[in-house]
Amino acid sequence: MTKKTIFGLFSTILLSLTCTAWAQPAADDPEWKEAEVPPPPAFDVSKLITFEGSPNSSLVYGVDPASIRISNSDSVVRYVMVATSASGARNVMYEGIRCSTGEFKTYARYSSDGRWNMVTPTEWRSMFDNMPSKHALRFAKAGACDNAAPALSVDALVVRLKNPFKN
């Protein structure tokens, strides 16, 4: 077995154990309202903190820590996610995670001409759905969420991302 295969197996086991601990998201608050979403922030691919998106994927996911915001008004963690293929092709998304409900949303996608294209309509989707990419769930587990609550601060989130085995 290669190191990547062993790491992939370990990551899968660890994710399944933490998903069991997280279980189902909390019930939705009928009074909750999303705050006005700020425009997509600038990002720097040279500053990405990377994490494995899936053991079966060749994509490497990363977040520029300077792009992460935790909204006090609606408790949404917003960030720029960069998925990079083995060939170097990039897919960049401006997203948000709602830890209390286990949902994520894509607000915009970055185009090759250097512009953000807003996604319409934007919809909250479950991070637990059987999607080919579970990057939002892995980011939530890596530090964006403390179970059903957002990380205490961006600094705490970044520390957890940089030290995944000390959480």
C-alpha atoms as a PDB file:
ATOM      1  CA  MET A   1       0.000   0.000   0.000  1.00  0.00           C
ATOM      2  CA  THR A   2       1.162   3.481  -0.809  1.00  0.00           C
ATOM      3  CA  LYS A   3       1.163   6.322   1.708  1.00  0.00           C
ATOM      4  CA  LYS A   4      -1.662   7.984  -0.237  1.00  0.00           C
ATOM      5  CA  THR A   5      -3.772   4.797  -0.074  1.00  0.00           C
ATOM      6  CA  ILE A   6      -3.147   4.408   3.661  1.00  0.00           C
ATOM      7  CA  PHE A   7      -3.949   8.091   4.250  1.00  0.00           C
ATOM      8  CA  GLY A   8      -7.098   7.731   2.145  1.00  0.00           C
ATOM      9  CA  LEU A   9      -8.272   4.731   4.169  1.00  0.00           C
ATOM     10  CA  PHE A  10      -7.476   6.505   7.428  1.00  0.00           C
ATOM     11  CA  SER A  11      -9.343   9.616   6.252  1.00  0.00           C
ATOM     12  CA  THR A  12     -12.388   7.563   5.274  1.00  0.00           C
ATOM     13  CA  ILE A  13     -12.487   5.813   8.651  1.00  0.00           C
ATOM     14  CA  LEU A  14     -11.981   9.082  10.509  1.00  0.00           C
ATOM     15  CA  LEU A  15     -14.701  10.825   8.482  1.00  0.00           C
ATOM     16  CA  SER A  16     -17.180   8.005   9.112  1.00  0.00           C
ATOM     17  CA  LEU A  17     -16.488   8.138  12.847  1.00  0.00           C
ATOM     18  CA  THR A  18     -16.912  11.911  13.009  1.00  0.00           C
ATOM     19  CA  CYS A  19     -20.070  11.772  10.891  1.00  0.00           C
ATOM     20  CA  THR A  20     -21.503   9.331  13.413  1.00  0.00           C
ATOM     21  CA  ALA A  21     -20.658  11.770  16.209  1.00  0.00           C
ATOM     22  CA  TRP A  22     -22.131  14.708  14.293  1.00  0.00           C
ATOM     23  CA  ALA A  23     -25.160  12.644  13.277  1.00  0.00           C
ATOM     24  CA  GLN A  24     -28.056  14.505  11.788  1.00  0.00           C
ATOM     25  CA  PRO A  25     -28.106  18.290  11.669  1.00  0.00           C
ATOM     26  CA  ALA A  26     -30.285  20.224  14.088  1.00  0.00           C
ATOM     27  CA  ALA A  27     -33.804  21.160  13.123  1.00  0.00           C
ATOM     28  CA  ASP A  28     -34.092  24.264  11.023  1.00  0.00           C
ATOM     29  CA  ASP A  29     -35.020  27.449  12.871  1.00  0.00           C
ATOM     30  CA  PRO A  30     -38.145  28.868  11.186  1.00  0.00           C
ATOM     31  CA  GLU A  31     -37.119  32.382  12.323  1.00  0.00           C
ATOM     32  CA  TRP A  32     -33.645  32.146  10.755  1.00  0.00           C
ATOM     33  CA  LYS A  33     -32.884  34.511   7.898  1.00  0.00           C
ATOM     34  CA  GLU A  34     -29.694  34.686   5.882  1.00  0.00           C
ATOM     35  CA  ALA A  35     -27.855  37.992   6.101  1.00  0.00           C
ATOM     36  CA  GLU A  36     -27.010  39.940   2.990  1.00  0.00           C
ATOM     37  CA  VAL A  37     -24.175  38.029   1.363  1.00  0.00           C
ATOM     38  CA  PRO A  38     -21.018  40.062   0.894  1.00  0.00           C
ATOM     39  CA  PRO A  39     -19.387  40.018  -2.538  1.00  0.00           C
ATOM     40  CA  PRO A  40     -16.833  37.269  -3.177  1.00  0.00           C
ATOM     41  CA  PRO A  41     -13.545  38.125  -1.472  1.00  0.00           C
ATOM     42  CA  ALA A  42     -10.142  38.193  -3.134  1.00  0.00           C
ATOM     43  CA  PHE A  43      -8.128  35.005  -2.821  1.00  0.00           C
ATOM     44  CA  ASP A  44      -4.514  33.935  -3.256  1.00  0.00           C
ATOM     45  CA  VAL A  45      -3.878  30.377  -4.465  1.00  0.00           C
ATOM     46  CA  SER A  46      -0.321  30.549  -3.093  1.00  0.00           C
ATOM     47  CA  LYS A  47      -1.756  30.803   0.449  1.00  0.00           C
ATOM     48  CA  LEU A  48      -4.208  27.898   0.309  1.00  0.00           C
ATOM     49  CA  ILE A  49      -4.496  25.543   3.243  1.00  0.00           C
ATOM     50  CA  THR A  50      -5.200  22.235   1.531  1.00  0.00           C
ATOM     51  CA  PHE A  51      -7.073  19.164   2.685  1.00  0.00           C
ATOM     52  CA  GLU A  52      -8.149  15.937   1.042  1.00  0.00           C
ATOM     53  CA  GLY A  53     -11.587  16.126  -0.523  1.00  0.00           C
ATOM     54  CA  SER A  54     -12.106  12.408  -1.007  1.00  0.00           C
ATOM     55  CA  PRO A  55      -9.833   9.357  -0.951  1.00  0.00           C
ATOM     56  CA  ASN A  56     -11.117   8.400  -4.414  1.00  0.00           C
ATOM     57  CA  SER A  57     -10.619  11.835  -5.966  1.00  0.00           C
ATOM     58  CA  SER A  58      -7.557  13.261  -7.665  1.00  0.00           C
ATOM     59  CA  LEU A  59      -8.696  16.766  -6.697  1.00  0.00           C
ATOM     60  CA  VAL A  60      -6.948  18.655  -3.938  1.00  0.00           C
ATOM     61  CA  TYR A  61      -9.104  21.181  -2.093  1.00  0.00           C
ATOM     62  CA  GLY A  62      -7.860  24.327  -0.435  1.00  0.00           C
ATOM     63  CA  VAL A  63      -9.118  27.455   1.261  1.00  0.00           C
ATOM     64  CA  ASP A  64      -7.362  30.816   1.416  1.00  0.00           C
ATOM     65  CA  PRO A  65      -7.604  31.690   5.115  1.00  0.00           C
ATOM     66  CA  ALA A  66      -7.943  35.398   4.241  1.00  0.00           C
ATOM     67  CA  SER A  67     -11.227  34.599   2.453  1.00  0.00           C
ATOM     68  CA  ILE A  68     -12.919  32.977   5.475  1.00  0.00           C
ATOM     69  CA  ARG A  69     -15.647  34.935   7.263  1.00  0.00           C
ATOM     70  CA  ILE A  70     -17.931  33.808  10.077  1.00  0.00           C
ATOM     71  CA  SER A  71     -21.086  35.901  10.145  1.00  0.00           C
ATOM     72  CA  ASN A  72     -22.376  36.778  13.606  1.00  0.00           C
ATOM     73  CA  SER A  73     -25.817  37.696  12.286  1.00  0.00           C
ATOM     74  CA  ASP A  74     -26.661  34.390  10.576  1.00  0.00           C
ATOM     75  CA  SER A  75     -23.845  32.018  11.738  1.00  0.00           C
ATOM     76  CA  VAL A  76     -22.832  31.176   8.163  1.00  0.00           C
ATOM     77  CA  VAL A  77     -19.186  30.382   7.462  1.00  0.00           C
ATOM     78  CA  ARG A  78     -18.309  31.874   4.050  1.00  0.00           C
ATOM     79  CA  TYR A  79     -15.089  31.124   2.169  1.00  0.00           C
ATOM     80  CA  VAL A  80     -13.419  30.671  -1.208  1.00  0.00           C
ATOM     81  CA  MET A  81     -12.839  26.990  -2.027  1.00  0.00           C
ATOM     82  CA  VAL A  82     -10.294  26.013  -4.684  1.00  0.00           C
ATOM     83  CA  ALA A  83     -10.341  22.522  -6.218  1.00  0.00           C
ATOM     84  CA  THR A  84      -7.178  21.714  -8.163  1.00  0.00           C
ATOM     85  CA  SER A  85      -6.782  18.706 -10.454  1.00  0.00           C
ATOM     86  CA  ALA A  86      -3.572  16.746 -10.989  1.00  0.00           C
ATOM     87  CA  SER A  87      -3.114  18.632 -14.285  1.00  0.00           C
ATOM     88  CA  GLY A  88      -3.320  21.984 -12.478  1.00  0.00           C
ATOM     89  CA  ALA A  89      -6.819  22.955 -13.644  1.00  0.00           C
ATOM     90  CA  ARG A  90      -8.723  24.901 -11.002  1.00  0.00           C
ATOM     91  CA  ASN A  91     -12.356  25.242 -10.067  1.00  0.00           C
ATOM     92  CA  VAL A  92     -12.937  28.132  -7.640  1.00  0.00           C
ATOM     93  CA  MET A  93     -16.173  28.631  -5.719  1.00  0.00           C
ATOM     94  CA  TYR A  94     -17.440  31.176  -3.210  1.00  0.00           C
ATOM     95  CA  GLU A  95     -19.505  29.144  -0.738  1.00  0.00           C
ATOM     96  CA  GLY A  96     -21.182  29.207   2.642  1.00  0.00           C
ATOM     97  CA  ILE A  97     -21.791  26.540   5.272  1.00  0.00           C
ATOM     98  CA  ARG A  98     -24.673  26.516   7.721  1.00  0.00           C
ATOM     99  CA  CYS A  99     -23.352  24.277  10.491  1.00  0.00           C
ATOM    100  CA  SER A 100     -26.659  24.161  12.395  1.00  0.00           C
ATOM    101  CA  THR A 101     -28.447  22.436   9.508  1.00  0.00           C
ATOM    102  CA  GLY A 102     -25.538  20.659   7.786  1.00  0.00           C
ATOM    103  CA  GLU A 103     -26.069  22.607   4.572  1.00  0.00           C
ATOM    104  CA  PHE A 104     -23.890  24.499   2.114  1.00  0.00           C
ATOM    105  CA  LYS A 105     -24.490  26.900  -0.721  1.00  0.00           C
ATOM    106  CA  THR A 106     -22.450  28.032  -3.724  1.00  0.00           C
ATOM    107  CA  TYR A 107     -22.818  31.774  -4.265  1.00  0.00           C
ATOM    108  CA  ALA A 108     -20.409  32.295  -7.186  1.00  0.00           C
ATOM    109  CA  ARG A 109     -17.871  30.579  -9.444  1.00  0.00           C
ATOM    110  CA  TYR A 110     -14.634  32.145 -10.600  1.00  0.00           C
ATOM    111  CA  SER A 111     -14.101  32.114 -14.368  1.00  0.00           C
ATOM    112  CA  SER A 112     -10.867  31.724 -16.311  1.00  0.00           C
ATOM    113  CA  ASP A 113     -11.100  35.382 -17.359  1.00  0.00           C
ATOM    114  CA  GLY A 114     -10.708  36.455 -13.713  1.00  0.00           C
ATOM    115  CA  ARG A 115     -14.325  37.364 -12.912  1.00  0.00           C
ATOM    116  CA  TRP A 116     -16.838  36.019 -10.444  1.00  0.00           C
ATOM    117  CA  ASN A 117     -20.077  34.699 -11.949  1.00  0.00           C
ATOM    118  CA  MET A 118     -22.910  34.682  -9.440  1.00  0.00           C
ATOM    119  CA  VAL A 119     -24.900  31.437  -9.202  1.00  0.00           C
ATOM    120  CA  THR A 120     -28.648  31.920  -9.515  1.00  0.00           C
ATOM    121  CA  PRO A 121     -30.716  30.719  -7.945  1.00  0.00           C
ATOM    122  CA  THR A 122     -28.630  29.791  -4.937  1.00  0.00           C
ATOM    123  CA  GLU A 123     -29.985  26.972  -2.819  1.00  0.00           C
ATOM    124  CA  TRP A 124     -28.954  25.410   0.454  1.00  0.00           C
ATOM    125  CA  ARG A 125     -28.015  21.760  -0.120  1.00  0.00           C
ATOM    126  CA  SER A 126     -27.298  19.054   2.408  1.00  0.00           C
ATOM    127  CA  MET A 127     -23.616  18.271   2.970  1.00  0.00           C
ATOM    128  CA  PHE A 128     -24.721  14.689   3.646  1.00  0.00           C
ATOM    129  CA  ASP A 129     -26.250  14.060   0.204  1.00  0.00           C
ATOM    130  CA  ASN A 130     -24.621  11.405  -1.928  1.00  0.00           C
ATOM    131  CA  MET A 131     -22.741  13.848  -4.136  1.00  0.00           C
ATOM    132  CA  PRO A 132     -19.566  13.000  -6.028  1.00  0.00           C
ATOM    133  CA  SER A 133     -17.716  15.706  -4.095  1.00  0.00           C
ATOM    134  CA  LYS A 134     -17.991  16.023  -0.346  1.00  0.00           C
ATOM    135  CA  HIS A 135     -15.641  18.992  -0.063  1.00  0.00           C
ATOM    136  CA  ALA A 136     -18.067  21.113   1.992  1.00  0.00           C
ATOM    137  CA  LEU A 137     -18.595  18.302   4.498  1.00  0.00           C
ATOM    138  CA  ARG A 138     -14.854  17.679   4.751  1.00  0.00           C
ATOM    139  CA  PHE A 139     -14.211  21.400   5.236  1.00  0.00           C
ATOM    140  CA  ALA A 140     -16.885  21.501   7.941  1.00  0.00           C
ATOM    141  CA  LYS A 141     -15.250  18.527   9.690  1.00  0.00           C
ATOM    142  CA  ALA A 142     -11.749  19.942   9.208  1.00  0.00           C
ATOM    143  CA  GLY A 143     -12.559  23.054  11.203  1.00  0.00           C
ATOM    144  CA  ALA A 144     -15.388  25.206   9.831  1.00  0.00           C
ATOM    145  CA  CYS A 145     -17.917  23.691  12.224  1.00  0.00           C
ATOM    146  CA  ASP A 146     -17.880  22.517  15.822  1.00  0.00           C
ATOM    147  CA  ASN A 147     -20.655  19.985  15.384  1.00  0.00           C
ATOM    148  CA  ALA A 148     -23.752  22.154  14.774  1.00  0.00           C
ATOM    149  CA  ALA A 149     -22.073  25.497  15.513  1.00  0.00           C
ATOM    150  CA  PRO A 150     -19.601  27.492  13.442  1.00  0.00           C
ATOM    151  CA  ALA A 151     -15.986  27.606  14.601  1.00  0.00           C
ATOM    152  CA  LEU A 152     -15.456  30.080  17.430  1.00  0.00           C
ATOM    153  CA  SER A 153     -13.308  32.309  15.239  1.00  0.00           C
ATOM    154  CA  VAL A 154     -11.504  32.384  11.918  1.00  0.00           C
ATOM    155  CA  ASP A 155      -8.213  32.031  13.808  1.00  0.00           C
ATOM    156  CA  ALA A 156      -9.449  28.873  15.570  1.00  0.00           C
ATOM    157  CA  LEU A 157     -10.673  27.486  12.251  1.00  0.00           C
ATOM    158  CA  VAL A 158      -7.287  28.123  10.581  1.00  0.00           C
ATOM    159  CA  VAL A 159      -5.419  26.447  13.457  1.00  0.00           C
ATOM    160  CA  ARG A 160      -7.628  23.356  13.081  1.00  0.00           C
ATOM    161  CA  LEU A 161      -7.081  23.273   9.309  1.00  0.00           C
ATOM    162  CA  LYS A 162      -3.296  23.513   9.732  1.00  0.00           C
ATOM    163  CA  ASN A 163      -3.233  20.829  12.458  1.00  0.00           C
ATOM    164  CA  PRO A 164      -5.837  18.229  11.384  1.00  0.00           C
ATOM    165  CA  PHE A 165      -4.634  15.441  13.683  1.00  0.00           C
ATOM    166  CA  LYS A 166      -4.613  17.608  16.838  1.00  0.00           C
ATOM    167  CA  ASN A 167      -8.367  18.264  16.819  1.00  0.00           C
END
